[in-house]
Amino acid sequence: MVEDKREKFLKVYANVPDSLREDIIVVVDDKTYTWNAVYFEIKNNTTLSRKILKVLVNNQTI
């Protein structure tokens, strides 16, 4: 299930224009994360990436 969320995010990220990748897309634990920061976390499958994916899914961002 987490892999499906990861794949979905990576597909969405691939379609985000470079000019928007520094925009904030999520707040987790009172910290803001841009498209690029989230991509790094998800690509590296960090513990933080699971939290980020949960928030993105709950907010229907992905």
PDB file of N, CA and C in Angstrom:
ATOM      1  N   MET A   1       0.825  -1.196   0.000  1.00  0.00           N
ATOM      2  CA  MET A   1       0.000   0.000   0.000  1.00  0.00           C
ATOM      3  C   MET A   1       0.866   1.255   0.000  1.00  0.00           C
ATOM      4  N   VAL A   2       1.906   1.270   0.811  1.00  0.00           N
ATOM      5  CA  VAL A   2       2.806   2.424   0.827  1.00  0.00           C
ATOM      6  C   VAL A   2       3.480   2.565  -0.531  1.00  0.00           C
ATOM      7  N   GLU A   3       3.830   1.443  -1.148  1.00  0.00           N
ATOM      8  CA  GLU A   3       4.469   1.485  -2.473  1.00  0.00           C
ATOM      9  C   GLU A   3       3.548   2.120  -3.499  1.00  0.00           C
ATOM     10  N   ASP A   4       2.257   1.834  -3.425  1.00  0.00           N
ATOM     11  CA  ASP A   4       1.299   2.440  -4.349  1.00  0.00           C
ATOM     12  C   ASP A   4       1.272   3.958  -4.177  1.00  0.00           C
ATOM     13  N   LYS A   5       1.299   4.412  -2.943  1.00  0.00           N
ATOM     14  CA  LYS A   5       1.292   5.854  -2.662  1.00  0.00           C
ATOM     15  C   LYS A   5       2.578   6.494  -3.165  1.00  0.00           C
ATOM     16  N   ARG A   6       3.694   5.797  -2.961  1.00  0.00           N
ATOM     17  CA  ARG A   6       4.977   6.306  -3.440  1.00  0.00           C
ATOM     18  C   ARG A   6       4.958   6.454  -4.952  1.00  0.00           C
ATOM     19  N   GLU A   7       4.517   5.408  -5.629  1.00  0.00           N
ATOM     20  CA  GLU A   7       4.466   5.437  -7.092  1.00  0.00           C
ATOM     21  C   GLU A   7       3.556   6.545  -7.591  1.00  0.00           C
ATOM     22  N   LYS A   8       2.426   6.713  -6.942  1.00  0.00           N
ATOM     23  CA  LYS A   8       1.489   7.757  -7.354  1.00  0.00           C
ATOM     24  C   LYS A   8       2.125   9.134  -7.196  1.00  0.00           C
ATOM     25  N   PHE A   9       2.787   9.366  -6.057  1.00  0.00           N
ATOM     26  CA  PHE A   9       3.452  10.654  -5.861  1.00  0.00           C
ATOM     27  C   PHE A   9       4.505  10.876  -6.936  1.00  0.00           C
ATOM     28  N   LEU A  10       5.328   9.881  -7.212  1.00  0.00           N
ATOM     29  CA  LEU A  10       6.401  10.035  -8.195  1.00  0.00           C
ATOM     30  C   LEU A  10       5.849  10.357  -9.582  1.00  0.00           C
ATOM     31  N   LYS A  11       4.709   9.788  -9.926  1.00  0.00           N
ATOM     32  CA  LYS A  11       4.071  10.102 -11.210  1.00  0.00           C
ATOM     33  C   LYS A  11       3.571  11.545 -11.227  1.00  0.00           C
ATOM     34  N   VAL A  12       2.965  11.979 -10.138  1.00  0.00           N
ATOM     35  CA  VAL A  12       2.482  13.360 -10.051  1.00  0.00           C
ATOM     36  C   VAL A  12       3.667  14.317 -10.108  1.00  0.00           C
ATOM     37  N   TYR A  13       4.710  14.018  -9.348  1.00  0.00           N
ATOM     38  CA  TYR A  13       5.902  14.872  -9.306  1.00  0.00           C
ATOM     39  C   TYR A  13       6.503  15.050 -10.699  1.00  0.00           C
ATOM     40  N   ALA A  14       6.532  13.985 -11.470  1.00  0.00           N
ATOM     41  CA  ALA A  14       7.111  14.046 -12.815  1.00  0.00           C
ATOM     42  C   ALA A  14       6.378  15.047 -13.704  1.00  0.00           C
ATOM     43  N   ASN A  15       5.125  15.309 -13.408  1.00  0.00           N
ATOM     44  CA  ASN A  15       4.327  16.232 -14.212  1.00  0.00           C
ATOM     45  C   ASN A  15       4.277  17.655 -13.654  1.00  0.00           C
ATOM     46  N   VAL A  16       4.902  17.884 -12.511  1.00  0.00           N
ATOM     47  CA  VAL A  16       4.929  19.223 -11.917  1.00  0.00           C
ATOM     48  C   VAL A  16       6.013  20.037 -12.631  1.00  0.00           C
ATOM     49  N   PRO A  17       5.669  21.206 -13.134  1.00  0.00           N
ATOM     50  CA  PRO A  17       6.682  22.044 -13.803  1.00  0.00           C
ATOM     51  C   PRO A  17       7.815  22.416 -12.850  1.00  0.00           C
ATOM     52  N   ASP A  18       9.011  22.507 -13.392  1.00  0.00           N
ATOM     53  CA  ASP A  18      10.183  22.851 -12.577  1.00  0.00           C
ATOM     54  C   ASP A  18       9.978  24.139 -11.797  1.00  0.00           C
ATOM     55  N   SER A  19       9.272  25.076 -12.376  1.00  0.00           N
ATOM     56  CA  SER A  19       9.068  26.370 -11.722  1.00  0.00           C
ATOM     57  C   SER A  19       8.204  26.270 -10.459  1.00  0.00           C
ATOM     58  N   LEU A  20       7.491  25.183 -10.283  1.00  0.00           N
ATOM     59  CA  LEU A  20       6.629  25.015  -9.101  1.00  0.00           C
ATOM     60  C   LEU A  20       7.218  24.086  -8.045  1.00  0.00           C
ATOM     61  N   ARG A  21       8.330  23.474  -8.340  1.00  0.00           N
ATOM     62  CA  ARG A  21       8.876  22.460  -7.437  1.00  0.00           C
ATOM     63  C   ARG A  21       9.450  23.020  -6.138  1.00  0.00           C
ATOM     64  N   GLU A  22       9.596  24.316  -6.046  1.00  0.00           N
ATOM     65  CA  GLU A  22      10.039  24.931  -4.781  1.00  0.00           C
ATOM     66  C   GLU A  22       8.850  25.435  -3.966  1.00  0.00           C
ATOM     67  N   ASP A  23       7.650  25.204  -4.453  1.00  0.00           N
ATOM     68  CA  ASP A  23       6.440  25.580  -3.711  1.00  0.00           C
ATOM     69  C   ASP A  23       6.168  24.569  -2.597  1.00  0.00           C
ATOM     70  N   ILE A  24       5.658  25.054  -1.496  1.00  0.00           N
ATOM     71  CA  ILE A  24       5.309  24.194  -0.362  1.00  0.00           C
ATOM     72  C   ILE A  24       4.047  23.409  -0.701  1.00  0.00           C
ATOM     73  N   ILE A  25       4.095  22.100  -0.430  1.00  0.00           N
ATOM     74  CA  ILE A  25       2.903  21.283  -0.690  1.00  0.00           C
ATOM     75  C   ILE A  25       2.351  20.609   0.552  1.00  0.00           C
ATOM     76  N   VAL A  26       3.151  20.557   1.630  1.00  0.00           N
ATOM     77  CA  VAL A  26       2.676  19.848   2.808  1.00  0.00           C
ATOM     78  C   VAL A  26       3.350  20.404   4.065  1.00  0.00           C
ATOM     79  N   VAL A  27       2.609  20.307   5.177  1.00  0.00           N
ATOM     80  CA  VAL A  27       3.144  20.662   6.495  1.00  0.00           C
ATOM     81  C   VAL A  27       3.022  19.419   7.365  1.00  0.00           C
ATOM     82  N   VAL A  28       4.155  18.985   7.910  1.00  0.00           N
ATOM     83  CA  VAL A  28       4.186  17.813   8.782  1.00  0.00           C
ATOM     84  C   VAL A  28       4.962  18.198  10.029  1.00  0.00           C
ATOM     85  N   ASP A  29       4.367  17.951  11.177  1.00  0.00           N
ATOM     86  CA  ASP A  29       5.003  18.285  12.462  1.00  0.00           C
ATOM     87  C   ASP A  29       5.456  19.744  12.496  1.00  0.00           C
ATOM     88  N   ASP A  30       4.587  20.622  12.013  1.00  0.00           N
ATOM     89  CA  ASP A  30       4.834  22.070  11.997  1.00  0.00           C
ATOM     90  C   ASP A  30       6.020  22.498  11.131  1.00  0.00           C
ATOM     91  N   LYS A  31       6.441  21.646  10.208  1.00  0.00           N
ATOM     92  CA  LYS A  31       7.507  21.984   9.268  1.00  0.00           C
ATOM     93  C   LYS A  31       6.933  21.925   7.857  1.00  0.00           C
ATOM     94  N   THR A  32       7.377  22.872   7.019  1.00  0.00           N
ATOM     95  CA  THR A  32       6.892  22.914   5.645  1.00  0.00           C
ATOM     96  C   THR A  32       7.851  22.169   4.718  1.00  0.00           C
ATOM     97  N   TYR A  33       7.276  21.558   3.676  1.00  0.00           N
ATOM     98  CA  TYR A  33       8.074  20.791   2.718  1.00  0.00           C
ATOM     99  C   TYR A  33       7.643  21.144   1.301  1.00  0.00           C
ATOM    100  N   THR A  34       8.640  21.358   0.450  1.00  0.00           N
ATOM    101  CA  THR A  34       8.388  21.666  -0.959  1.00  0.00           C
ATOM    102  C   THR A  34       8.281  20.367  -1.749  1.00  0.00           C
ATOM    103  N   TRP A  35       7.877  20.516  -3.009  1.00  0.00           N
ATOM    104  CA  TRP A  35       7.834  19.355  -3.897  1.00  0.00           C
ATOM    105  C   TRP A  35       9.185  18.647  -3.906  1.00  0.00           C
ATOM    106  N   ASN A  36      10.273  19.425  -4.037  1.00  0.00           N
ATOM    107  CA  ASN A  36      11.612  18.825  -4.117  1.00  0.00           C
ATOM    108  C   ASN A  36      11.999  18.112  -2.824  1.00  0.00           C
ATOM    109  N   ALA A  37      11.683  18.701  -1.684  1.00  0.00           N
ATOM    110  CA  ALA A  37      12.007  18.076  -0.403  1.00  0.00           C
ATOM    111  C   ALA A  37      11.222  16.777  -0.218  1.00  0.00           C
ATOM    112  N   VAL A  38       9.957  16.822  -0.593  1.00  0.00           N
ATOM    113  CA  VAL A  38       9.119  15.628  -0.482  1.00  0.00           C
ATOM    114  C   VAL A  38       9.622  14.543  -1.430  1.00  0.00           C
ATOM    115  N   TYR A  39       9.992  14.945  -2.631  1.00  0.00           N
ATOM    116  CA  TYR A  39      10.540  13.977  -3.599  1.00  0.00           C
ATOM    117  C   TYR A  39      11.765  13.288  -3.015  1.00  0.00           C
ATOM    118  N   PHE A  40      12.679  14.050  -2.428  1.00  0.00           N
ATOM    119  CA  PHE A  40      13.885  13.488  -1.827  1.00  0.00           C
ATOM    120  C   PHE A  40      13.527  12.462  -0.752  1.00  0.00           C
ATOM    121  N   GLU A  41      12.609  12.829   0.139  1.00  0.00           N
ATOM    122  CA  GLU A  41      12.214  11.931   1.231  1.00  0.00           C
ATOM    123  C   GLU A  41      11.574  10.651   0.695  1.00  0.00           C
ATOM    124  N   ILE A  42      10.673  10.799  -0.262  1.00  0.00           N
ATOM    125  CA  ILE A  42       9.947   9.638  -0.794  1.00  0.00           C
ATOM    126  C   ILE A  42      10.874   8.761  -1.631  1.00  0.00           C
ATOM    127  N   LYS A  43      11.713   9.369  -2.433  1.00  0.00           N
ATOM    128  CA  LYS A  43      12.648   8.610  -3.261  1.00  0.00           C
ATOM    129  C   LYS A  43      13.579   7.769  -2.389  1.00  0.00           C
ATOM    130  N   ASN A  44      13.969   8.308  -1.234  1.00  0.00           N
ATOM    131  CA  ASN A  44      14.874   7.606  -0.319  1.00  0.00           C
ATOM    132  C   ASN A  44      14.137   6.761   0.715  1.00  0.00           C
ATOM    133  N   ASN A  45      12.813   6.729   0.616  1.00  0.00           N
ATOM    134  CA  ASN A  45      11.982   5.882   1.476  1.00  0.00           C
ATOM    135  C   ASN A  45      12.292   6.075   2.961  1.00  0.00           C
ATOM    136  N   THR A  46      12.327   7.324   3.397  1.00  0.00           N
ATOM    137  CA  THR A  46      12.636   7.642   4.795  1.00  0.00           C
ATOM    138  C   THR A  46      11.404   7.458   5.685  1.00  0.00           C
ATOM    139  N   THR A  47      11.637   7.474   6.968  1.00  0.00           N
ATOM    140  CA  THR A  47      10.530   7.413   7.930  1.00  0.00           C
ATOM    141  C   THR A  47       9.620   8.623   7.734  1.00  0.00           C
ATOM    142  N   LEU A  48      10.210   9.781   7.508  1.00  0.00           N
ATOM    143  CA  LEU A  48       9.434  10.996   7.277  1.00  0.00           C
ATOM    144  C   LEU A  48       8.543  10.857   6.042  1.00  0.00           C
ATOM    145  N   SER A  49       9.006  10.135   5.044  1.00  0.00           N
ATOM    146  CA  SER A  49       8.206   9.985   3.822  1.00  0.00           C
ATOM    147  C   SER A  49       6.863   9.315   4.102  1.00  0.00           C
ATOM    148  N   ARG A  50       6.828   8.399   5.062  1.00  0.00           N
ATOM    149  CA  ARG A  50       5.557   7.738   5.390  1.00  0.00           C
ATOM    150  C   ARG A  50       4.568   8.733   5.992  1.00  0.00           C
ATOM    151  N   LYS A  51       5.073   9.622   6.841  1.00  0.00           N
ATOM    152  CA  LYS A  51       4.221  10.665   7.422  1.00  0.00           C
ATOM    153  C   LYS A  51       3.720  11.608   6.329  1.00  0.00           C
ATOM    154  N   ILE A  52       4.630  12.000   5.451  1.00  0.00           N
ATOM    155  CA  ILE A  52       4.273  12.909   4.369  1.00  0.00           C
ATOM    156  C   ILE A  52       3.210  12.288   3.478  1.00  0.00           C
ATOM    157  N   LEU A  53       3.407  11.036   3.095  1.00  0.00           N
ATOM    158  CA  LEU A  53       2.432  10.362   2.233  1.00  0.00           C
ATOM    159  C   LEU A  53       1.066  10.277   2.897  1.00  0.00           C
ATOM    160  N   LYS A  54       1.061  10.012   4.191  1.00  0.00           N
ATOM    161  CA  LYS A  54      -0.212   9.927   4.915  1.00  0.00           C
ATOM    162  C   LYS A  54      -0.955  11.265   4.845  1.00  0.00           C
ATOM    163  N   VAL A  55      -0.230  12.358   5.067  1.00  0.00           N
ATOM    164  CA  VAL A  55      -0.853  13.687   5.006  1.00  0.00           C
ATOM    165  C   VAL A  55      -1.338  13.994   3.587  1.00  0.00           C
ATOM    166  N   LEU A  56      -0.517  13.687   2.597  1.00  0.00           N
ATOM    167  CA  LEU A  56      -0.898  13.951   1.207  1.00  0.00           C
ATOM    168  C   LEU A  56      -2.153  13.171   0.801  1.00  0.00           C
ATOM    169  N   VAL A  57      -2.230  11.932   1.231  1.00  0.00           N
ATOM    170  CA  VAL A  57      -3.415  11.117   0.918  1.00  0.00           C
ATOM    171  C   VAL A  57      -4.640  11.655   1.655  1.00  0.00           C
ATOM    172  N   ASN A  58      -4.471  11.983   2.942  1.00  0.00           N
ATOM    173  CA  ASN A  58      -5.603  12.512   3.721  1.00  0.00           C
ATOM    174  C   ASN A  58      -6.122  13.828   3.152  1.00  0.00           C
ATOM    175  N   ASN A  59      -5.218  14.639   2.590  1.00  0.00           N
ATOM    176  CA  ASN A  59      -5.609  15.914   2.000  1.00  0.00           C
ATOM    177  C   ASN A  59      -6.021  15.763   0.524  1.00  0.00           C
ATOM    178  N   GLN A  60      -6.012  14.539   0.047  1.00  0.00           N
ATOM    179  CA  GLN A  60      -6.360  14.219  -1.344  1.00  0.00           C
ATOM    180  C   GLN A  60      -5.468  14.944  -2.334  1.00  0.00           C
ATOM    181  N   THR A  61      -4.217  15.168  -1.959  1.00  0.00           N
ATOM    182  CA  THR A  61      -3.247  15.784  -2.851  1.00  0.00           C
ATOM    183  C   THR A  61      -2.766  14.763  -3.876  1.00  0.00           C
ATOM    184  N   ILE A  62      -2.658  13.506  -3.447  1.00  0.00           N
ATOM    185  CA  ILE A  62      -2.316  12.438  -4.375  1.00  0.00           C
ATOM    186  C   ILE A  62      -3.343  11.342  -4.266  1.00  0.00           C
TER     187      ILE A  62
END
